[in-house]
Amino acid sequence: CVARDVSEERRRERRLTGLTDASRELLAATDREDVSRIAIRTVSDVLDHEIACVRLYDADANELVRTATSDAAAALVESALAYDLKSSNAGAAYRSGETVRNEAAADDAYADDPRRAEVHVPLGDFGVLSVFDREAPLTAVDVRLIELFAGVLRSAFTRAERDTRLRSRQSELERRREELAATDRFNTLVTEVIRSVLRAASSSQTDCLT
């Protein structure tokens, strides 16, 4: 159908334009949390997947921690324990460094949600982007766009982490400069006190001699 083809083409163009705009916005992200929030908004508003979350790796806890979640995903986590987004598939994607897909067949009587389709894309050492769909299977184009966006996210996380370290170093340098300035002021004060004491002692000795 020509009308359908035109509609799909427009949808594809809208998605690509939205991803381009999101990439520019990610360049201005200041930290990991900011990157995560932009990521979820983009997946929901641009890629048209309402259920998504970003999990970042917590080295201290040695686990993936949900950092940003779409409203639809948050509602599912609160309302259905069986649909908790802390799935092992996300861990598998993080450990392997490869995309993990899972789709429950419509006639699978053992699936907790036979309509659910999910994809987990690793974000390098940073974590995993997880996207779910309860209405229809994720197409090859859907997965490819999610993977492309995940590549942008990896770069954004790298940039944000570098900027955070830079700000931390700048704060440390500023703190050290302030400490040095305080030390200089203290040394100056001590020097002035010593000079005053010496002048007073010299004046006292001179008075005794006269």
Protein backbone atom coordinates (compact mmCIF):
# COMPACT_ATOMS: atom_id res chain seq x y z
CA CYS A 1 0.00 0.00 0.00
CA VAL A 2 1.45 3.34 -1.09
CA ALA A 3 -0.19 5.28 1.76
CA ARG A 4 1.32 2.90 4.30
CA ASP A 5 4.75 3.17 2.72
CA VAL A 6 4.57 6.97 2.83
CA SER A 7 3.44 6.85 6.46
CA GLU A 8 6.32 4.54 7.40
CA GLU A 9 8.79 6.75 5.56
CA ARG A 10 7.58 9.82 7.43
CA ARG A 11 7.78 7.96 10.73
CA ARG A 12 11.33 6.89 9.94
CA GLU A 13 12.33 10.44 9.04
CA ARG A 14 10.72 11.77 12.22
CA ARG A 15 12.63 9.26 14.28
CA LEU A 16 15.96 10.05 12.63
CA THR A 17 15.38 13.80 13.06
CA GLY A 18 14.47 13.24 16.70
CA LEU A 19 17.59 11.17 17.29
CA THR A 20 19.72 13.90 15.73
CA ASP A 21 18.16 16.51 18.01
CA ALA A 22 18.62 14.26 21.03
CA SER A 23 22.28 13.75 20.15
CA ARG A 24 22.83 17.50 20.23
CA GLU A 25 21.08 17.72 23.60
CA LEU A 26 23.23 14.91 24.97
CA LEU A 27 26.34 16.94 24.14
CA ALA A 28 25.21 19.45 26.77
CA ALA A 29 24.47 16.83 29.43
CA THR A 30 26.49 17.51 32.58
CA ASP A 31 26.41 14.15 34.35
CA ARG A 32 25.30 10.52 34.11
CA GLU A 33 21.87 11.21 35.57
CA ASP A 34 21.24 13.93 33.01
CA VAL A 35 22.27 11.60 30.18
CA SER A 36 19.97 8.90 31.53
CA ARG A 37 16.96 11.22 31.71
CA ILE A 38 17.48 12.42 28.13
CA ALA A 39 17.85 8.81 27.01
CA ILE A 40 14.51 7.74 28.47
CA ARG A 41 12.70 10.77 27.09
CA THR A 42 14.13 10.08 23.63
CA VAL A 43 13.21 6.39 23.66
CA SER A 44 9.67 7.28 24.71
CA ASP A 45 9.01 10.39 22.60
CA VAL A 46 11.15 9.74 19.52
CA LEU A 47 11.43 5.96 19.19
CA ASP A 48 7.84 5.45 20.41
CA HIS A 49 8.61 2.91 23.13
CA GLU A 50 6.83 3.88 26.34
CA ILE A 51 8.47 1.27 28.57
CA ALA A 52 12.20 1.80 29.00
CA CYS A 53 14.86 2.17 31.64
CA VAL A 54 18.57 2.85 31.96
CA ARG A 55 20.54 0.76 34.41
CA LEU A 56 24.02 1.94 35.35
CA TYR A 57 26.68 -0.29 36.84
CA ASP A 58 27.43 0.30 40.51
CA ALA A 59 30.94 -0.96 41.17
CA ASP A 60 30.55 -0.84 44.96
CA ALA A 61 27.40 -2.96 44.92
CA ASN A 62 28.53 -4.93 41.84
CA GLU A 63 25.10 -4.64 40.26
CA LEU A 64 23.09 -2.73 37.69
CA VAL A 65 21.08 0.04 39.32
CA ARG A 66 18.01 1.50 37.64
CA THR A 67 18.93 5.18 37.17
CA ALA A 68 16.16 6.49 34.91
CA THR A 69 12.77 4.96 34.12
CA SER A 70 9.90 5.98 31.88
CA ASP A 71 6.55 6.65 33.56
CA ALA A 72 5.02 3.52 32.04
CA ALA A 73 7.90 1.36 33.23
CA ALA A 74 7.74 2.86 36.74
CA ALA A 75 4.02 2.10 36.91
CA LEU A 76 4.65 -1.53 35.94
CA VAL A 77 7.38 -1.94 38.53
CA GLU A 78 5.04 -0.64 41.23
CA SER A 79 1.98 -2.62 40.13
CA ALA A 80 3.39 -5.99 39.06
CA LEU A 81 6.25 -7.75 40.78
CA ALA A 82 6.25 -10.34 37.99
CA TYR A 83 7.16 -7.53 35.61
CA ASP A 84 10.01 -6.14 37.70
CA LEU A 85 12.53 -4.65 35.29
CA LYS A 86 15.46 -6.13 37.21
CA SER A 87 15.73 -8.98 34.74
CA SER A 88 18.71 -11.23 34.22
CA ASN A 89 18.62 -10.42 30.51
CA ALA A 90 19.98 -6.96 31.28
CA GLY A 91 22.85 -8.52 33.21
CA ALA A 92 23.53 -10.91 30.35
CA ALA A 93 23.72 -8.00 27.92
CA TYR A 94 26.10 -6.12 30.20
CA ARG A 95 28.37 -9.11 30.77
CA SER A 96 28.51 -10.18 27.11
CA GLY A 97 28.63 -6.69 25.62
CA GLU A 98 26.02 -7.79 23.09
CA THR A 99 22.34 -7.01 22.56
CA VAL A 100 19.97 -9.47 24.22
CA ARG A 101 16.44 -9.89 22.82
CA ASN A 102 13.56 -11.80 24.29
CA GLU A 103 10.04 -12.21 22.99
CA ALA A 104 7.28 -14.30 24.50
CA ALA A 105 5.24 -16.19 21.94
CA ALA A 106 1.56 -15.30 21.86
CA ASP A 107 0.60 -18.91 22.63
CA ASP A 108 3.19 -19.40 25.40
CA ALA A 109 1.11 -20.40 28.42
CA TYR A 110 4.13 -20.14 30.70
CA ALA A 111 5.06 -16.52 29.86
CA ASP A 112 4.24 -13.99 32.59
CA ASP A 113 3.18 -11.58 29.84
CA PRO A 114 2.72 -13.19 26.38
CA ARG A 115 2.62 -9.76 24.71
CA ARG A 116 5.97 -8.66 26.05
CA ALA A 117 8.95 -8.04 23.82
CA GLU A 118 12.20 -6.73 25.23
CA VAL A 119 15.67 -5.73 24.14
CA HIS A 120 18.67 -4.93 26.32
CA VAL A 121 21.55 -3.05 24.73
CA PRO A 122 24.87 -2.65 26.57
CA LEU A 123 26.27 0.84 27.12
CA GLY A 124 29.89 -0.21 27.39
CA ASP A 125 31.13 -0.26 30.98
CA PHE A 126 28.42 2.18 32.00
CA GLY A 127 25.36 -0.07 32.02
CA VAL A 128 22.41 -1.17 29.90
CA LEU A 129 19.53 0.43 28.02
CA SER A 130 16.40 -1.74 28.27
CA VAL A 131 13.32 -1.25 26.08
CA PHE A 132 10.05 -3.16 26.33
CA ASP A 133 6.89 -3.37 24.24
CA ARG A 134 3.65 -4.97 25.40
CA GLU A 135 1.69 -4.32 22.21
CA ALA A 136 3.79 -5.74 19.38
CA PRO A 137 7.11 -7.46 18.70
CA LEU A 138 10.15 -5.22 18.27
CA THR A 139 11.08 -5.14 14.59
CA ALA A 140 14.60 -5.35 13.22
CA VAL A 141 14.38 -1.61 12.47
CA ASP A 142 13.29 -0.90 16.06
CA VAL A 143 16.24 -2.82 17.46
CA ARG A 144 18.69 -1.22 15.03
CA LEU A 145 17.56 2.29 15.97
CA ILE A 146 17.81 1.45 19.67
CA GLU A 147 21.33 0.11 19.13
CA LEU A 148 22.32 3.21 17.16
CA PHE A 149 21.00 5.42 19.94
CA ALA A 150 22.82 3.30 22.53
CA GLY A 151 26.05 4.09 20.67
CA VAL A 152 25.30 7.80 21.04
CA LEU A 153 24.58 7.23 24.72
CA ARG A 154 27.94 5.54 25.25
CA SER A 155 29.68 8.59 23.84
CA ALA A 156 27.52 10.88 25.97
CA PHE A 157 28.30 8.92 29.14
CA THR A 158 32.01 9.02 28.31
CA ARG A 159 31.86 12.77 27.79
CA ALA A 160 29.82 13.36 30.96
CA GLU A 161 32.20 11.23 33.02
CA ARG A 162 35.20 13.12 31.63
CA ASP A 163 33.52 16.45 32.40
CA THR A 164 32.68 15.28 35.92
CA ARG A 165 36.30 14.26 36.52
CA LEU A 166 37.47 17.58 35.10
CA ARG A 167 35.14 19.51 37.40
CA SER A 168 36.36 17.40 40.30
CA ARG A 169 39.99 18.15 39.45
CA GLN A 170 39.18 21.83 39.06
CA SER A 171 37.46 21.81 42.45
CA GLU A 172 40.47 20.07 43.96
CA LEU A 173 42.86 22.57 42.37
CA GLU A 174 40.72 25.43 43.63
CA ARG A 175 40.70 23.91 47.11
CA ARG A 176 44.48 23.56 47.04
CA ARG A 177 44.87 27.14 45.81
CA GLU A 178 42.69 28.32 48.67
CA GLU A 179 44.75 26.26 51.13
CA LEU A 180 47.98 27.71 49.74
CA ALA A 181 46.55 31.21 49.91
CA ALA A 182 45.50 30.61 53.53
CA THR A 183 48.96 29.25 54.33
CA ASP A 184 50.57 32.28 52.70
CA ARG A 185 48.35 34.60 54.73
CA PHE A 186 49.23 32.72 57.91
CA ASN A 187 52.95 32.79 57.11
CA THR A 188 52.72 36.51 56.39
CA LEU A 189 50.97 37.09 59.70
CA VAL A 190 53.57 35.03 61.58
CA THR A 191 56.36 36.92 59.85
CA GLU A 192 54.82 40.26 60.80
CA VAL A 193 54.40 39.11 64.40
CA ILE A 194 58.02 37.99 64.56
CA ARG A 195 59.20 41.27 63.08
CA SER A 196 57.09 43.22 65.55
CA VAL A 197 58.51 41.20 68.44
CA LEU A 198 62.04 41.72 67.17
CA ARG A 199 61.48 45.47 66.72
CA ALA A 200 60.04 45.69 70.21
CA ALA A 201 62.97 43.76 71.64
CA SER A 202 65.43 45.94 69.72
CA SER A 203 63.78 49.10 70.99
CA SER A 204 63.87 47.78 74.54
CA GLN A 205 67.57 47.00 74.30
CA THR A 206 68.27 50.44 72.86
CA ASP A 207 66.40 52.10 75.72
CA CYS A 208 68.46 50.14 78.23
CA LEU A 209 71.71 51.27 76.61
CA THR A 210 70.73 54.96 76.67
